[in-house]
Amino acid sequence: MDPLRAQQLAAELEVEMMADMYNRMTQACHRKCVPPHYKESELSKGECVCLDRCVAKYLEVHERMGKKLTELSLQDEELLKRMQQGTGTA
């Protein structure tokens, strides 16, 4: 696969993953913070605060997980390189 196509596929996958994360966050925070039967047309102060906190926590956890997965991936790549160098294959 040529590098341009690989980059394009990676960008498409990233957009898809971000859309999935956004949808999951929206559903989880709505379920947690907004009662199923609406009493008013506008969100209450408590609902707004709950949603703000929920979204902030969700994004913070998402960022932490991304950093950890990147770290683990780099460790795996380094280990694979060392193993390949040790066996004489590259």
Protein backbone atom coordinates (compact mmCIF):
# COMPACT_ATOMS: atom_id res chain seq x y z
CA MET A 1 0.00 0.00 0.00
CA ASP A 2 1.40 3.38 -0.92
CA PRO A 3 2.07 5.89 1.91
CA LEU A 4 -0.54 8.37 0.69
CA ARG A 5 -3.30 5.72 0.74
CA ALA A 6 -2.18 4.52 4.18
CA GLN A 7 -2.32 8.09 5.50
CA GLN A 8 -5.77 8.57 4.01
CA LEU A 9 -7.05 5.35 5.60
CA ALA A 10 -5.57 6.37 8.96
CA ALA A 11 -7.32 9.75 8.74
CA GLU A 12 -10.64 8.10 7.87
CA LEU A 13 -10.26 5.67 10.76
CA GLU A 14 -9.48 8.53 13.15
CA VAL A 15 -12.62 10.42 12.07
CA GLU A 16 -14.70 7.27 12.52
CA MET A 17 -13.22 6.64 15.97
CA MET A 18 -13.82 10.24 17.07
CA ALA A 19 -17.43 10.09 15.87
CA ASP A 20 -17.91 6.85 17.81
CA MET A 21 -16.37 8.39 20.94
CA TYR A 22 -18.61 11.46 20.60
CA ASN A 23 -21.74 9.30 20.20
CA ARG A 24 -20.84 7.14 23.20
CA MET A 25 -20.10 10.21 25.31
CA THR A 26 -23.36 11.86 24.30
CA GLN A 27 -25.40 8.77 25.12
CA ALA A 28 -23.63 8.10 28.43
CA CYS A 29 -23.82 11.69 29.68
CA HIS A 30 -27.42 12.14 28.54
CA ARG A 31 -28.42 8.91 30.27
CA LYS A 32 -26.63 9.99 33.45
CA CYS A 33 -27.66 13.64 33.64
CA VAL A 34 -31.01 14.11 31.91
CA PRO A 35 -34.13 12.37 33.24
CA PRO A 36 -36.02 10.28 30.66
CA HIS A 37 -39.21 12.35 30.98
CA TYR A 38 -38.64 16.01 30.24
CA LYS A 39 -40.42 18.46 32.52
CA GLU A 40 -39.16 21.62 30.82
CA SER A 41 -37.96 22.53 27.36
CA GLU A 42 -34.59 23.83 28.68
CA LEU A 43 -31.97 22.02 30.73
CA SER A 44 -31.93 22.87 34.42
CA LYS A 45 -28.82 24.31 36.08
CA GLY A 46 -28.14 20.94 37.73
CA GLU A 47 -28.44 19.09 34.42
CA CYS A 48 -26.05 21.56 32.75
CA VAL A 49 -23.48 21.19 35.52
CA CYS A 50 -23.81 17.39 35.40
CA LEU A 51 -23.34 17.38 31.62
CA ASP A 52 -20.31 19.69 31.83
CA ARG A 53 -18.63 17.46 34.41
CA CYS A 54 -19.56 14.26 32.59
CA VAL A 55 -18.12 15.49 29.29
CA ALA A 56 -14.95 16.78 30.98
CA LYS A 57 -14.39 13.44 32.72
CA TYR A 58 -15.13 11.46 29.57
CA LEU A 59 -12.64 13.50 27.53
CA GLU A 60 -10.00 13.31 30.26
CA VAL A 61 -10.29 9.52 30.44
CA HIS A 62 -10.24 9.29 26.64
CA GLU A 63 -7.03 11.37 26.54
CA ARG A 64 -5.37 9.29 29.28
CA MET A 65 -6.28 6.05 27.54
CA GLY A 66 -4.94 7.35 24.23
CA LYS A 67 -1.62 8.28 25.83
CA LYS A 68 -1.32 4.90 27.55
CA LEU A 69 -2.17 2.99 24.37
CA THR A 70 0.40 5.02 22.43
CA GLU A 71 2.98 4.29 25.11
CA LEU A 72 2.22 0.57 25.00
CA SER A 73 2.33 0.55 21.21
CA LEU A 74 5.76 2.22 21.21
CA GLN A 75 7.01 -0.32 23.76
CA ASP A 76 5.73 -3.17 21.57
CA GLU A 77 7.44 -1.70 18.50
CA GLU A 78 10.71 -1.33 20.41
CA LEU A 79 10.50 -4.91 21.69
CA LEU A 80 9.79 -6.19 18.17
CA LYS A 81 12.80 -4.28 16.81
CA ARG A 82 15.04 -5.74 19.50
CA MET A 83 13.75 -9.23 18.80
CA GLN A 84 14.33 -8.82 15.06
CA GLN A 85 17.86 -7.50 15.64
CA GLY A 86 18.58 -10.41 17.96
CA THR A 87 17.59 -12.97 15.33
CA GLY A 88 19.41 -11.18 12.50
CA THR A 89 16.23 -10.36 10.53
CA ALA A 90 15.20 -6.82 9.73
